[in-house]
């Protein structure tokens, strides 16, 4: 079939889905943050996806949050991902309570689920893990607010969706302490409300391509 094929990064797909159908429907500037095993950002500036010169924009997880900090899988030290990604959160738990029953060996998914469940029950160990994670996450979000002056920051990803409700109060306090007042006043921080965000974004790329082609034909 003589049909175009559209390929892109999942984070950028999530950002475009939020722009068209989620928290970004009525704004021009948006940051979509993904918390999972890895950590990254999709960035929308003036209504358009920001890609950078080599389509690598959004590697927020590999910005430095702690000089000479934890080792990151990228080979550097002190990356955001090492503190707010799933492995980093599990490490917070090990630091707080090495023998915690919330730990499930190398199974990050089970451990994150256990932390979420325990946080919902008011468990003090889970609360401390949430507090520490929110502190780092808030500082990282403040950096994005200072850099990009977004209308909205959206928190998603499988870790973000499980822990976000517990993280939001602490991270908002951390953001308020760290971000500049002017861009902070214009920004709101929300949880992702869409289901299947990556799939919606992938379909939206195809729709954008179709509309661009149709508009070009009309101009001709």
C-alpha atoms as a PDB file:
ATOM      1  CA  UNK A   1       0.000   0.000   0.000  1.00  0.00           C
ATOM      2  CA  UNK A   2       1.234   3.451  -0.890  1.00  0.00           C
ATOM      3  CA  UNK A   3       0.629   4.952   2.549  1.00  0.00           C
ATOM      4  CA  UNK A   4       2.909   7.085   4.740  1.00  0.00           C
ATOM      5  CA  UNK A   5       4.384   5.616   7.922  1.00  0.00           C
ATOM      6  CA  UNK A   6       4.874   7.754  11.035  1.00  0.00           C
ATOM      7  CA  UNK A   7       7.429   6.731  13.673  1.00  0.00           C
ATOM      8  CA  UNK A   8       8.311   8.665  16.795  1.00  0.00           C
ATOM      9  CA  UNK A   9       9.390   8.572  20.422  1.00  0.00           C
ATOM     10  CA  UNK A  10       6.751   7.383  22.961  1.00  0.00           C
ATOM     11  CA  UNK A  11       7.315  10.423  25.168  1.00  0.00           C
ATOM     12  CA  UNK A  12       6.697  12.763  22.281  1.00  0.00           C
ATOM     13  CA  UNK A  13       3.581  10.753  21.477  1.00  0.00           C
ATOM     14  CA  UNK A  14       2.349  11.254  25.051  1.00  0.00           C
ATOM     15  CA  UNK A  15       2.984  14.991  24.816  1.00  0.00           C
ATOM     16  CA  UNK A  16       1.080  15.339  21.553  1.00  0.00           C
ATOM     17  CA  UNK A  17      -1.814  13.306  22.985  1.00  0.00           C
ATOM     18  CA  UNK A  18      -2.019  15.671  25.964  1.00  0.00           C
ATOM     19  CA  UNK A  19      -1.829  18.668  23.632  1.00  0.00           C
ATOM     20  CA  UNK A  20      -4.726  17.497  21.464  1.00  0.00           C
ATOM     21  CA  UNK A  21      -6.933  15.587  23.889  1.00  0.00           C
ATOM     22  CA  UNK A  22      -5.747  16.125  27.471  1.00  0.00           C
ATOM     23  CA  UNK A  23      -4.492  18.890  29.726  1.00  0.00           C
ATOM     24  CA  UNK A  24      -3.030  20.846  26.812  1.00  0.00           C
ATOM     25  CA  UNK A  25      -6.204  21.373  24.806  1.00  0.00           C
ATOM     26  CA  UNK A  26      -6.477  25.037  25.753  1.00  0.00           C
ATOM     27  CA  UNK A  27      -2.800  25.922  26.199  1.00  0.00           C
ATOM     28  CA  UNK A  28       0.223  26.524  23.993  1.00  0.00           C
ATOM     29  CA  UNK A  29       3.061  25.433  26.284  1.00  0.00           C
ATOM     30  CA  UNK A  30       3.151  22.060  28.010  1.00  0.00           C
ATOM     31  CA  UNK A  31       5.595  19.648  29.612  1.00  0.00           C
ATOM     32  CA  UNK A  32       4.626  15.977  29.802  1.00  0.00           C
ATOM     33  CA  UNK A  33       6.710  14.063  32.349  1.00  0.00           C
ATOM     34  CA  UNK A  34       6.989  10.296  32.249  1.00  0.00           C
ATOM     35  CA  UNK A  35       7.971   8.418  35.389  1.00  0.00           C
ATOM     36  CA  UNK A  36       8.660   4.762  34.761  1.00  0.00           C
ATOM     37  CA  UNK A  37      11.734   2.582  34.824  1.00  0.00           C
ATOM     38  CA  UNK A  38      13.181   5.459  32.823  1.00  0.00           C
ATOM     39  CA  UNK A  39      12.318   9.135  33.134  1.00  0.00           C
ATOM     40  CA  UNK A  40      11.833  11.711  30.406  1.00  0.00           C
ATOM     41  CA  UNK A  41       9.806  14.636  29.110  1.00  0.00           C
ATOM     42  CA  UNK A  42       7.805  15.604  26.062  1.00  0.00           C
ATOM     43  CA  UNK A  43       7.865  19.371  25.520  1.00  0.00           C
ATOM     44  CA  UNK A  44       5.379  21.543  23.634  1.00  0.00           C
ATOM     45  CA  UNK A  45       6.390  25.155  22.911  1.00  0.00           C
ATOM     46  CA  UNK A  46       3.992  27.626  21.285  1.00  0.00           C
ATOM     47  CA  UNK A  47       1.650  24.829  20.256  1.00  0.00           C
ATOM     48  CA  UNK A  48       4.295  22.675  18.579  1.00  0.00           C
ATOM     49  CA  UNK A  49       6.317  19.704  19.771  1.00  0.00           C
ATOM     50  CA  UNK A  50       9.872  20.738  20.593  1.00  0.00           C
ATOM     51  CA  UNK A  51      12.334  18.212  19.177  1.00  0.00           C
ATOM     52  CA  UNK A  52      15.746  19.867  19.270  1.00  0.00           C
ATOM     53  CA  UNK A  53      18.335  19.639  16.506  1.00  0.00           C
ATOM     54  CA  UNK A  54      18.567  15.810  16.541  1.00  0.00           C
ATOM     55  CA  UNK A  55      15.109  14.901  17.916  1.00  0.00           C
ATOM     56  CA  UNK A  56      16.702  14.279  21.326  1.00  0.00           C
ATOM     57  CA  UNK A  57      14.987  17.042  23.304  1.00  0.00           C
ATOM     58  CA  UNK A  58      13.308  15.880  26.493  1.00  0.00           C
ATOM     59  CA  UNK A  59      16.035  13.779  28.131  1.00  0.00           C
ATOM     60  CA  UNK A  60      15.025  15.311  31.443  1.00  0.00           C
ATOM     61  CA  UNK A  61      15.860  12.094  33.271  1.00  0.00           C
ATOM     62  CA  UNK A  62      19.526  12.658  32.476  1.00  0.00           C
ATOM     63  CA  UNK A  63      19.768  16.186  33.800  1.00  0.00           C
ATOM     64  CA  UNK A  64      21.796  16.408  37.005  1.00  0.00           C
ATOM     65  CA  UNK A  65      19.936  16.806  40.296  1.00  0.00           C
ATOM     66  CA  UNK A  66      22.784  15.804  42.657  1.00  0.00           C
ATOM     67  CA  UNK A  67      26.448  16.403  41.847  1.00  0.00           C
ATOM     68  CA  UNK A  68      28.471  13.215  42.396  1.00  0.00           C
ATOM     69  CA  UNK A  69      25.218  11.468  43.292  1.00  0.00           C
ATOM     70  CA  UNK A  70      23.927   7.997  42.547  1.00  0.00           C
ATOM     71  CA  UNK A  71      25.159   6.133  39.507  1.00  0.00           C
ATOM     72  CA  UNK A  72      22.723   6.225  36.594  1.00  0.00           C
ATOM     73  CA  UNK A  73      22.353   3.552  33.935  1.00  0.00           C
ATOM     74  CA  UNK A  74      23.562   6.142  31.367  1.00  0.00           C
ATOM     75  CA  UNK A  75      26.993   6.083  33.026  1.00  0.00           C
ATOM     76  CA  UNK A  76      26.738   9.492  34.685  1.00  0.00           C
ATOM     77  CA  UNK A  77      26.052  10.252  38.345  1.00  0.00           C
ATOM     78  CA  UNK A  78      23.284  12.253  39.979  1.00  0.00           C
ATOM     79  CA  UNK A  79      20.715  12.062  37.165  1.00  0.00           C
ATOM     80  CA  UNK A  80      17.019  12.736  37.851  1.00  0.00           C
ATOM     81  CA  UNK A  81      16.242   9.203  36.718  1.00  0.00           C
ATOM     82  CA  UNK A  82      18.407   7.753  39.487  1.00  0.00           C
ATOM     83  CA  UNK A  83      16.185   9.476  42.071  1.00  0.00           C
ATOM     84  CA  UNK A  84      12.641   9.517  40.674  1.00  0.00           C
ATOM     85  CA  UNK A  85      12.551   6.561  38.284  1.00  0.00           C
ATOM     86  CA  UNK A  86      11.388   3.172  39.555  1.00  0.00           C
ATOM     87  CA  UNK A  87      14.912   1.938  40.429  1.00  0.00           C
ATOM     88  CA  UNK A  88      15.617   5.185  42.286  1.00  0.00           C
ATOM     89  CA  UNK A  89      12.407   4.986  44.304  1.00  0.00           C
ATOM     90  CA  UNK A  90      13.159   1.372  45.199  1.00  0.00           C
ATOM     91  CA  UNK A  91      16.609   2.530  46.323  1.00  0.00           C
ATOM     92  CA  UNK A  92      14.989   5.192  48.529  1.00  0.00           C
ATOM     93  CA  UNK A  93      13.029   2.372  50.167  1.00  0.00           C
ATOM     94  CA  UNK A  94      16.183   0.296  50.684  1.00  0.00           C
ATOM     95  CA  UNK A  95      17.899   3.329  52.229  1.00  0.00           C
ATOM     96  CA  UNK A  96      14.989   3.989  54.600  1.00  0.00           C
ATOM     97  CA  UNK A  97      14.205   0.371  55.516  1.00  0.00           C
ATOM     98  CA  UNK A  98      16.603  -2.272  54.143  1.00  0.00           C
ATOM     99  CA  UNK A  99      14.459  -5.118  55.484  1.00  0.00           C
ATOM    100  CA  UNK A 100      11.075  -3.639  54.576  1.00  0.00           C
ATOM    101  CA  UNK A 101       8.363  -6.138  53.571  1.00  0.00           C
ATOM    102  CA  UNK A 102       7.494  -3.662  50.817  1.00  0.00           C
ATOM    103  CA  UNK A 103      10.634  -4.734  48.954  1.00  0.00           C
ATOM    104  CA  UNK A 104      10.119  -7.439  46.336  1.00  0.00           C
ATOM    105  CA  UNK A 105      13.676  -8.187  45.287  1.00  0.00           C
ATOM    106  CA  UNK A 106      14.385  -7.043  41.741  1.00  0.00           C
ATOM    107  CA  UNK A 107      10.692  -6.785  40.871  1.00  0.00           C
ATOM    108  CA  UNK A 108      10.310  -3.012  40.557  1.00  0.00           C
ATOM    109  CA  UNK A 109       6.663  -3.261  39.514  1.00  0.00           C
ATOM    110  CA  UNK A 110       5.685  -5.206  42.633  1.00  0.00           C
ATOM    111  CA  UNK A 111       7.690  -2.920  44.919  1.00  0.00           C
ATOM    112  CA  UNK A 112       6.168   0.269  43.479  1.00  0.00           C
ATOM    113  CA  UNK A 113       2.695  -1.267  43.826  1.00  0.00           C
ATOM    114  CA  UNK A 114       3.471  -2.183  47.443  1.00  0.00           C
ATOM    115  CA  UNK A 115       4.643   1.364  48.189  1.00  0.00           C
ATOM    116  CA  UNK A 116       1.440   2.777  46.679  1.00  0.00           C
ATOM    117  CA  UNK A 117      -0.718   0.398  48.695  1.00  0.00           C
ATOM    118  CA  UNK A 118       1.180   1.140  51.904  1.00  0.00           C
ATOM    119  CA  UNK A 119       1.048   4.901  51.295  1.00  0.00           C
ATOM    120  CA  UNK A 120      -2.719   4.624  50.966  1.00  0.00           C
ATOM    121  CA  UNK A 121      -2.811   2.975  54.394  1.00  0.00           C
ATOM    122  CA  UNK A 122      -0.660   5.662  56.000  1.00  0.00           C
ATOM    123  CA  UNK A 123       2.414   3.453  56.411  1.00  0.00           C
ATOM    124  CA  UNK A 124       5.281   5.606  57.786  1.00  0.00           C
ATOM    125  CA  UNK A 125       7.979   3.889  55.708  1.00  0.00           C
ATOM    126  CA  UNK A 126       6.050   4.463  52.492  1.00  0.00           C
ATOM    127  CA  UNK A 127       5.371   8.049  53.579  1.00  0.00           C
ATOM    128  CA  UNK A 128       9.100   8.693  53.969  1.00  0.00           C
ATOM    129  CA  UNK A 129       9.842   7.211  50.535  1.00  0.00           C
ATOM    130  CA  UNK A 130       7.138   9.449  49.050  1.00  0.00           C
ATOM    131  CA  UNK A 131       8.537  12.496  50.879  1.00  0.00           C
ATOM    132  CA  UNK A 132      12.075  11.981  49.593  1.00  0.00           C
ATOM    133  CA  UNK A 133      10.926  11.214  46.049  1.00  0.00           C
ATOM    134  CA  UNK A 134       8.620  14.256  45.976  1.00  0.00           C
ATOM    135  CA  UNK A 135      11.480  16.496  47.083  1.00  0.00           C
ATOM    136  CA  UNK A 136      13.688  15.477  44.162  1.00  0.00           C
ATOM    137  CA  UNK A 137      10.806  15.413  41.713  1.00  0.00           C
ATOM    138  CA  UNK A 138       9.690  18.891  42.746  1.00  0.00           C
ATOM    139  CA  UNK A 139      13.176  20.297  42.218  1.00  0.00           C
ATOM    140  CA  UNK A 140      13.305  18.705  38.774  1.00  0.00           C
ATOM    141  CA  UNK A 141       9.882  20.073  37.840  1.00  0.00           C
ATOM    142  CA  UNK A 142      10.914  23.527  39.062  1.00  0.00           C
ATOM    143  CA  UNK A 143      13.861  23.369  36.667  1.00  0.00           C
ATOM    144  CA  UNK A 144      11.491  22.618  33.790  1.00  0.00           C
ATOM    145  CA  UNK A 145       9.187  25.466  34.827  1.00  0.00           C
ATOM    146  CA  UNK A 146      12.118  27.889  34.986  1.00  0.00           C
ATOM    147  CA  UNK A 147      13.445  26.738  31.604  1.00  0.00           C
ATOM    148  CA  UNK A 148      10.268  26.427  29.535  1.00  0.00           C
ATOM    149  CA  UNK A 149       7.658  28.588  31.309  1.00  0.00           C
ATOM    150  CA  UNK A 150       4.866  26.072  30.586  1.00  0.00           C
ATOM    151  CA  UNK A 151       1.160  26.583  31.160  1.00  0.00           C
ATOM    152  CA  UNK A 152       0.855  23.052  32.500  1.00  0.00           C
ATOM    153  CA  UNK A 153       3.108  20.215  33.660  1.00  0.00           C
ATOM    154  CA  UNK A 154       1.499  16.780  33.326  1.00  0.00           C
ATOM    155  CA  UNK A 155       2.724  13.824  35.376  1.00  0.00           C
ATOM    156  CA  UNK A 156       2.313  10.385  33.813  1.00  0.00           C
ATOM    157  CA  UNK A 157       4.047   7.059  33.236  1.00  0.00           C
ATOM    158  CA  UNK A 158       3.279   3.858  35.100  1.00  0.00           C
ATOM    159  CA  UNK A 159       5.114   4.966  38.241  1.00  0.00           C
ATOM    160  CA  UNK A 160       3.605   8.430  38.066  1.00  0.00           C
ATOM    161  CA  UNK A 161       0.110   7.024  37.738  1.00  0.00           C
ATOM    162  CA  UNK A 162       0.541   4.729  40.750  1.00  0.00           C
ATOM    163  CA  UNK A 163       2.264   7.183  43.073  1.00  0.00           C
ATOM    164  CA  UNK A 164       1.201  10.554  41.679  1.00  0.00           C
ATOM    165  CA  UNK A 165      -1.683  11.185  44.074  1.00  0.00           C
ATOM    166  CA  UNK A 166       0.694  10.685  47.006  1.00  0.00           C
ATOM    167  CA  UNK A 167       3.541  12.662  45.413  1.00  0.00           C
ATOM    168  CA  UNK A 168       1.568  15.746  44.347  1.00  0.00           C
ATOM    169  CA  UNK A 169       1.310  17.569  47.708  1.00  0.00           C
ATOM    170  CA  UNK A 170       5.013  17.212  48.487  1.00  0.00           C
ATOM    171  CA  UNK A 171       6.253  17.920  44.987  1.00  0.00           C
ATOM    172  CA  UNK A 172       4.082  21.035  44.735  1.00  0.00           C
ATOM    173  CA  UNK A 173       5.656  22.308  47.953  1.00  0.00           C
ATOM    174  CA  UNK A 174       9.111  21.512  46.591  1.00  0.00           C
ATOM    175  CA  UNK A 175       8.324  23.294  43.319  1.00  0.00           C
ATOM    176  CA  UNK A 176       7.074  26.351  45.212  1.00  0.00           C
ATOM    177  CA  UNK A 177      10.353  26.543  47.154  1.00  0.00           C
ATOM    178  CA  UNK A 178      12.531  26.217  44.059  1.00  0.00           C
ATOM    179  CA  UNK A 179      10.843  27.700  40.981  1.00  0.00           C
ATOM    180  CA  UNK A 180      10.944  31.382  40.092  1.00  0.00           C
ATOM    181  CA  UNK A 181       7.757  33.150  41.097  1.00  0.00           C
ATOM    182  CA  UNK A 182       6.754  34.500  37.677  1.00  0.00           C
ATOM    183  CA  UNK A 183       6.812  31.224  35.682  1.00  0.00           C
ATOM    184  CA  UNK A 184       5.481  29.345  38.707  1.00  0.00           C
ATOM    185  CA  UNK A 185       2.424  31.601  38.878  1.00  0.00           C
ATOM    186  CA  UNK A 186       1.554  30.718  35.270  1.00  0.00           C
ATOM    187  CA  UNK A 187       1.995  26.949  35.642  1.00  0.00           C
ATOM    188  CA  UNK A 188      -0.241  24.251  37.019  1.00  0.00           C
ATOM    189  CA  UNK A 189       0.770  20.666  37.772  1.00  0.00           C
ATOM    190  CA  UNK A 190      -1.695  17.912  36.918  1.00  0.00           C
ATOM    191  CA  UNK A 191      -1.914  14.156  36.693  1.00  0.00           C
ATOM    192  CA  UNK A 192      -2.369  12.612  33.260  1.00  0.00           C
ATOM    193  CA  UNK A 193      -6.062  11.804  32.802  1.00  0.00           C
ATOM    194  CA  UNK A 194      -5.836   9.983  29.471  1.00  0.00           C
ATOM    195  CA  UNK A 195      -5.792   6.220  29.069  1.00  0.00           C
ATOM    196  CA  UNK A 196      -3.465   4.652  26.460  1.00  0.00           C
ATOM    197  CA  UNK A 197      -1.673   7.971  26.003  1.00  0.00           C
ATOM    198  CA  UNK A 198       1.109   6.608  23.802  1.00  0.00           C
ATOM    199  CA  UNK A 199      -1.343   4.948  21.411  1.00  0.00           C
ATOM    200  CA  UNK A 200      -3.448   8.103  21.197  1.00  0.00           C
ATOM    201  CA  UNK A 201      -0.323  10.123  20.466  1.00  0.00           C
ATOM    202  CA  UNK A 202       0.840   7.708  17.776  1.00  0.00           C
ATOM    203  CA  UNK A 203      -2.539   7.986  16.052  1.00  0.00           C
ATOM    204  CA  UNK A 204      -2.367  11.765  16.389  1.00  0.00           C
ATOM    205  CA  UNK A 205       0.968  11.878  14.555  1.00  0.00           C
ATOM    206  CA  UNK A 206      -0.722  10.138  11.627  1.00  0.00           C
ATOM    207  CA  UNK A 207      -3.671  12.536  11.829  1.00  0.00           C
ATOM    208  CA  UNK A 208      -1.337  15.538  11.870  1.00  0.00           C
ATOM    209  CA  UNK A 209       0.467  14.164   8.839  1.00  0.00           C
ATOM    210  CA  UNK A 210      -2.791  13.637   6.972  1.00  0.00           C
ATOM    211  CA  UNK A 211      -4.014  17.150   7.769  1.00  0.00           C
ATOM    212  CA  UNK A 212      -0.695  18.685   6.728  1.00  0.00           C
ATOM    213  CA  UNK A 213      -0.843  16.815   3.403  1.00  0.00           C
ATOM    214  CA  UNK A 214      -4.473  17.804   2.844  1.00  0.00           C
ATOM    215  CA  UNK A 215      -3.725  21.457   3.575  1.00  0.00           C
ATOM    216  CA  UNK A 216      -0.761  21.402   1.193  1.00  0.00           C
ATOM    217  CA  UNK A 217      -2.979  20.018  -1.577  1.00  0.00           C
ATOM    218  CA  UNK A 218      -5.575  22.722  -0.944  1.00  0.00           C
ATOM    219  CA  UNK A 219      -2.900  25.411  -1.241  1.00  0.00           C
ATOM    220  CA  UNK A 220      -1.740  23.902  -4.528  1.00  0.00           C
END
